[in-house]
Protein backbone atom coordinates (compact mmCIF):
# COMPACT_ATOMS: atom_id res chain seq x y z
CA MET A 1 65.00 36.97 37.67
CA PRO A 2 64.57 36.08 41.38
CA GLU A 3 63.38 39.67 42.00
CA LYS A 4 60.51 39.20 39.53
CA TRP A 5 59.35 36.01 41.24
CA THR A 6 59.54 37.74 44.63
CA ALA A 7 57.37 40.61 43.38
CA LEU A 8 54.87 38.15 41.90
CA LEU A 9 54.59 36.25 45.18
CA LEU A 10 54.00 39.51 47.04
CA LEU A 11 51.21 40.42 44.62
CA LEU A 12 49.56 37.03 45.07
CA GLN A 13 49.82 37.38 48.84
CA LEU A 14 48.15 40.79 48.71
CA LEU A 15 45.35 39.45 46.53
CA GLY A 16 44.81 36.67 49.05
CA ASN A 17 44.42 39.20 51.86
CA LEU A 18 41.72 41.14 49.99
CA GLU A 19 38.12 40.09 50.37
CA THR A 20 36.21 39.00 47.29
CA GLY A 21 34.44 42.32 46.73
CA GLU A 22 37.63 44.30 47.22
CA ALA A 23 39.84 42.16 45.00
CA ILE A 24 38.30 43.65 41.86
CA TRP A 25 39.61 47.03 42.97
CA PHE A 26 43.16 45.75 43.28
CA PRO A 27 44.65 48.05 40.58
CA TRP A 28 43.23 51.03 42.44
CA TYR A 29 44.62 49.83 45.78
CA PHE A 30 47.98 49.07 44.24
CA GLN A 31 48.25 52.54 42.70
CA ARG A 32 47.33 54.22 45.98
CA TYR A 33 48.95 51.99 48.60
CA GLY A 34 51.68 50.05 46.82
CA LEU A 35 52.53 46.52 48.03
CA ALA A 36 51.78 47.06 51.73
CA PRO A 37 49.32 44.46 53.11
CA HIS A 38 45.72 45.58 53.13
CA SER A 39 45.29 45.01 56.87
CA THR A 40 48.11 47.37 57.81
CA ARG A 41 46.44 50.17 55.87
CA HIS A 42 43.18 49.87 57.80
CA GLY A 43 44.21 49.46 61.41
CA GLY A 44 44.63 45.68 61.42
CA GLY A 45 41.80 43.88 59.73
CA HIS A 46 38.15 44.75 59.06
CA LYS A 47 36.72 44.95 62.55
CA ASN A 48 35.67 48.55 62.01
CA LYS A 49 33.95 48.58 58.64
CA THR A 50 33.22 52.30 58.66
CA ASP A 51 36.94 53.15 58.78
CA ALA A 52 37.66 51.37 55.52
CA THR A 53 39.04 53.38 52.65
CA CYS A 54 36.70 53.00 49.70
CA PRO A 55 37.53 53.00 45.99
CA PRO A 56 36.29 55.72 43.61
CA GLY A 57 32.50 55.91 43.39
CA TYR A 58 32.04 54.45 46.89
CA GLU A 59 31.89 55.85 50.41
CA PRO A 60 31.98 54.26 53.90
CA LYS A 61 28.66 52.76 54.95
CA SER A 62 26.78 54.43 57.76
CA PRO A 63 26.25 52.35 60.94
CA ALA A 64 22.54 52.04 60.13
CA VAL A 65 23.25 50.33 56.83
CA GLY A 66 23.65 46.58 56.98
CA LEU A 67 26.07 44.55 54.94
CA THR A 68 23.90 43.74 51.95
CA GLY A 69 26.58 42.82 49.47
CA GLY A 70 28.98 44.83 47.39
CA ILE A 71 32.29 45.99 48.77
CA ALA A 72 32.63 45.33 52.47
CA GLY A 73 32.22 48.51 54.52
CA CYS A 74 31.47 50.65 51.43
CA GLU A 75 28.38 51.68 49.53
CA ARG A 76 28.01 53.16 46.07
CA VAL A 77 27.49 56.93 45.98
CA SER A 78 23.98 57.58 44.72
CA GLY A 79 23.24 60.10 41.99
CA SER A 80 21.30 62.27 44.43
CA LYS A 81 24.52 62.93 46.34
CA GLN A 82 26.20 64.42 43.28
CA PRO A 83 24.27 67.64 42.54
CA GLY A 84 24.48 68.94 39.01
CA GLN A 85 25.37 65.56 37.52
CA ARG A 86 21.85 64.37 36.67
CA ILE A 87 21.22 64.19 32.94
CA CYS A 88 18.55 66.64 31.81
CA ASP A 89 15.52 65.85 29.72
CA ASP A 90 16.41 67.67 26.50
CA ASN A 91 12.79 68.19 25.42
CA PRO A 92 12.53 71.65 27.09
CA VAL A 93 15.72 72.68 25.29
CA LEU A 94 14.31 71.47 21.98
CA MET A 95 11.07 73.39 22.51
CA GLN A 96 12.94 76.62 23.19
CA LEU A 97 15.20 76.23 20.16
CA ALA A 98 12.11 75.59 18.03
CA ARG A 99 10.89 79.11 18.82
CA LEU A 100 13.78 80.41 16.70
CA TYR A 101 13.65 77.52 14.19
CA VAL A 102 17.17 76.56 15.27
CA VAL A 103 17.15 72.96 14.08
CA SER A 104 20.66 72.87 12.61
CA PRO A 105 23.95 74.81 12.84
CA GLU A 106 23.09 76.70 9.63
CA ARG A 107 19.88 78.05 11.13
CA ILE A 108 21.93 79.87 13.76
CA VAL A 109 23.77 81.71 10.98
CA LEU A 110 20.45 82.40 9.24
CA LEU A 111 19.42 84.54 12.22
CA LEU A 112 21.68 87.22 10.73
CA ALA A 113 19.14 87.59 7.91
CA GLN A 114 16.17 88.27 10.18
CA PRO A 115 14.29 91.54 9.49
CA SER A 116 15.32 93.01 12.85
CA LEU A 117 18.46 92.03 14.75
CA THR A 118 17.17 93.88 17.80
CA ASP A 119 14.01 91.80 17.96
CA SER A 120 15.94 88.60 17.24
CA CYS A 121 18.42 89.31 20.02
CA ALA A 122 15.60 89.94 22.49
CA GLU A 123 14.04 86.58 21.68
CA ILE A 124 17.42 84.83 21.79
CA THR A 125 17.99 86.22 25.28
CA ASP A 126 14.61 84.92 26.40
CA VAL A 127 15.19 81.49 24.85
CA LEU A 128 18.61 81.05 26.43
CA GLY A 129 17.27 82.25 29.79
CA ASN A 130 14.53 79.61 29.72
CA ILE A 131 17.04 76.93 28.76
CA ARG A 132 19.27 77.84 31.70
CA LYS A 133 16.29 77.62 34.05
CA SER A 134 15.48 74.13 32.79
CA MET A 135 19.08 73.06 33.44
CA ARG A 136 19.55 74.45 36.94
CA ASN A 137 19.74 71.02 38.58
CA CYS A 138 21.03 68.91 35.73
CA ILE A 139 23.32 68.87 32.72
CA LEU A 140 23.10 67.75 29.11
CA ALA A 141 25.43 65.08 27.81
CA PRO A 142 28.45 66.56 25.99
CA ASP A 143 27.34 64.99 22.71
CA ASN A 144 23.70 66.05 22.99
CA ILE A 145 22.84 67.77 19.70
CA TYR A 146 20.42 70.21 21.32
CA GLY A 147 23.03 71.15 23.88
CA ARG A 148 25.48 71.85 21.08
CA LEU A 149 22.93 73.98 19.24
CA LYS A 150 22.40 75.88 22.47
CA ASP A 151 26.15 76.56 22.63
CA GLY A 152 26.10 77.88 19.07
CA LEU A 153 23.17 80.14 19.88
CA SER A 154 24.98 81.46 22.96
CA TYR A 155 27.91 82.35 20.72
CA PHE A 156 25.55 84.26 18.41
CA GLN A 157 24.26 86.20 21.40
CA THR A 158 27.77 87.08 22.56
CA GLU A 159 29.18 88.02 19.17
CA VAL A 160 26.21 89.71 17.49
CA CYS A 161 23.85 90.87 20.22
CA GLU A 162 26.45 91.89 22.81
CA GLY A 163 29.12 93.25 20.48
CA GLY A 164 31.67 90.46 20.72
CA ASP A 165 35.04 90.53 22.43
CA GLY A 166 37.96 92.71 21.40
CA SER A 167 39.31 90.35 18.75
CA ASN A 168 35.99 90.03 16.91
CA ARG A 169 34.51 93.48 17.49
CA LYS A 170 35.37 94.62 13.96
CA ARG A 171 33.63 91.59 12.49
CA CYS A 172 30.57 92.21 14.65
CA THR A 173 30.40 95.83 13.52
CA GLY A 174 30.76 94.79 9.89
CA LEU A 175 27.93 92.26 10.12
CA GLN A 176 25.64 94.81 11.71
CA GLU A 177 26.47 97.47 9.11
CA SER A 178 25.82 95.02 6.27
CA HIS A 179 22.55 93.75 7.75
CA ASN A 180 20.46 95.20 4.92
CA CYS A 181 22.42 93.17 2.39
CA LEU A 182 22.38 90.04 4.56
CA ARG A 183 18.59 90.23 4.70
CA GLU A 184 18.51 90.05 0.91
CA LEU A 185 20.86 87.07 1.14
CA ARG A 186 18.38 84.99 3.15
CA THR A 187 17.19 82.80 0.26
CA ASP A 188 20.77 82.16 -0.86
CA MET A 189 21.77 81.16 2.67
CA ILE A 190 18.91 78.67 2.84
CA GLU A 191 20.04 77.20 -0.48
CA CYS A 192 23.52 76.73 1.01
CA GLU A 193 22.21 74.52 3.82
CA ALA A 194 23.32 70.89 3.86
CA PRO A 195 20.97 67.86 3.93
CA ALA A 196 19.07 67.26 7.14
CA ASP A 197 21.00 65.76 10.07
CA TRP A 198 24.33 65.95 8.24
CA TYR A 199 26.12 67.07 11.40
CA GLU A 200 24.95 63.97 13.30
CA ARG A 201 26.92 61.55 11.14
CA ARG A 202 29.62 59.48 12.80
CA ASN A 203 32.12 59.92 9.97
CA ALA A 204 34.01 63.04 11.04
CA SER A 205 35.77 63.52 7.70
CA LYS A 206 32.45 63.62 5.82
CA VAL A 207 30.94 65.98 8.35
CA CYS A 208 33.90 68.35 8.09
CA HIS A 209 33.80 68.21 4.29
CA ILE A 210 30.13 69.24 4.28
CA PHE A 211 30.88 71.88 6.91
CA ASN A 212 33.44 73.58 4.67
CA ASP A 213 31.19 73.26 1.62
CA VAL A 214 28.52 75.23 3.46
CA LEU A 215 31.04 77.91 4.45
CA ASP A 216 32.28 78.23 0.87
CA CYS A 217 28.71 78.54 -0.36
CA TYR A 218 28.06 81.35 2.12
CA TYR A 219 31.20 83.11 0.95
CA THR A 220 30.40 82.82 -2.75
CA ARG A 221 26.80 83.99 -2.45
CA ALA A 222 27.71 86.87 -0.12
CA ALA A 223 30.58 88.02 -2.34
CA LEU A 224 28.29 88.23 -5.36
CA LEU A 225 25.64 90.25 -3.56
CA CYS A 226 27.39 92.11 -0.73
CA GLY A 227 31.08 92.20 -1.61
CA VAL A 228 34.19 90.26 -0.64
CA GLU A 229 34.70 91.93 2.75
CA VAL A 230 31.19 91.08 3.94
CA ALA A 231 31.63 87.56 2.56
CA LYS A 232 34.79 87.08 4.64
CA GLN A 233 33.05 88.28 7.78
CA LEU A 234 30.05 86.02 7.18
CA ARG A 235 32.23 82.99 6.50
CA SER A 236 34.33 83.64 9.60
CA PHE A 237 31.30 84.02 11.84
CA ALA A 238 29.57 80.98 10.34
CA GLY A 239 32.66 78.85 10.94
CA ASP A 240 32.85 79.87 14.60
CA SER A 241 29.14 79.58 15.41
CA MET A 242 28.52 76.36 13.47
CA GLY A 243 31.65 74.81 14.91
CA ARG A 244 30.29 75.29 18.42
CA ALA A 245 26.97 73.74 17.42
CA MET A 246 28.53 70.46 16.25
CA THR A 247 29.87 67.44 18.11
CA HIS A 248 32.75 67.01 15.65
CA ARG A 249 35.62 69.50 15.66
CA CYS A 250 36.26 70.68 12.11
CA ALA A 251 39.03 72.96 10.87
CA VAL A 252 38.02 75.78 8.53
CA ASN A 253 39.78 75.69 5.17
CA LYS A 254 42.04 78.71 4.81
CA ARG A 255 41.71 78.81 1.03
CA LEU A 256 38.85 81.03 -0.11
CA PRO A 257 36.75 80.19 -3.17
CA ARG A 258 37.40 82.26 -6.28
CA VAL A 259 34.60 84.68 -7.12
CA ASP A 260 35.08 86.46 -10.45
CA ASN A 261 32.04 88.74 -10.39
CA ALA A 262 32.07 89.90 -6.78
CA MET A 263 30.11 93.03 -5.95
CA PRO A 264 32.36 96.12 -5.75
CA ILE A 265 32.81 97.52 -2.27
CA SER A 266 31.36 100.92 -3.25
CA ALA A 267 28.12 99.23 -4.25
CA ASN A 268 27.58 97.98 -0.73
CA ASN A 269 28.62 100.86 1.49
CA GLY A 270 25.94 103.39 0.58
CA VAL A 271 28.17 105.44 -1.72
CA GLY A 272 28.19 105.78 -5.49
CA VAL A 273 26.22 103.01 -7.15
CA GLY A 274 24.62 102.10 -3.85
CA CYS A 275 22.61 105.39 -3.79
CA PRO A 276 21.55 106.25 -7.37
CA TRP A 277 18.92 108.73 -6.20
CA PHE A 278 21.62 110.68 -4.38
CA ASN A 279 23.75 110.92 -7.55
CA SER A 280 20.73 111.97 -9.65
CA PHE A 281 19.93 114.76 -7.22
CA HIS A 282 23.44 116.16 -7.51
CA PHE A 283 23.37 115.86 -11.30
CA LEU A 284 20.12 117.83 -11.55
CA HIS A 285 21.48 120.38 -9.11
CA ILE A 286 24.51 120.96 -11.37
CA ILE A 287 22.30 121.32 -14.47
CA PHE A 288 20.12 123.96 -12.81
CA TRP A 289 23.20 125.78 -11.51
CA VAL A 290 24.78 125.93 -14.99
CA ALA A 291 21.48 127.02 -16.54
CA GLY A 292 21.20 129.77 -13.95
CA LEU A 293 24.69 131.05 -14.75
CA GLU A 294 23.92 131.10 -18.48
CA TYR A 295 20.73 133.07 -17.81
CA ILE A 296 22.56 135.62 -15.65
CA PHE A 297 25.37 136.21 -18.15
CA SER A 298 22.92 136.46 -21.04
CA LEU A 299 21.24 139.49 -19.47
């Protein structure tokens, strides 16, 4: 018990030695210097104000600066002395995203259904380049919705336009090979989109519920038109790209929706049912070949 009172008296003594402006930083001083008196840490008093150790966010005042209040011997670090920390105006980012109609996470996925992936990737590269130029001397807040959409678009560029990394290269190849079917899926993908501004809600559980509903809708529509394998690839890519375009972190449900009438794989890979004219050509060729044999043997 006496030890506690001794420690308390030492704390009160240290507070008494601090000047008014410095007393508010006592927790910081205590963490850094312990219970040693303030004067012993700064060469015996405050005669030399520029030698004072300043708390976080402050720096020693220059000799030309007078004591105009605040912490004695210290001045607040201005924003201009912290390059790269100024908050950007997000209007230039918005204007660039509008070129691609990227106004929601789903619209990033919809870029897969554009008529030409080559042309889309060229415009995406230009858009992202202009955004980077507008952010050379500033940053967007971590929760800025346009900044998040920009991150999702960057992921699209990496995974689709540039071929993806090793782990997702197979998925990238599959999406490119199934592009013809994905183009026909455009209307269905638009119908899967959630209500406007759904991803801006504060309730994370509701946002994540809607997020997974959109993914399941993509999977179901793609399975019916393009086959289960393409549906899995689309759902996987949509989960990754949309997740990067949202402020909330949502887990993707592992359970896939049941689709009873999914398109057979052969109908989507250019073989069999997928090329009826090719089968008809071979059928006619066989008929003419048999007729020719009958004519020869009848002579």
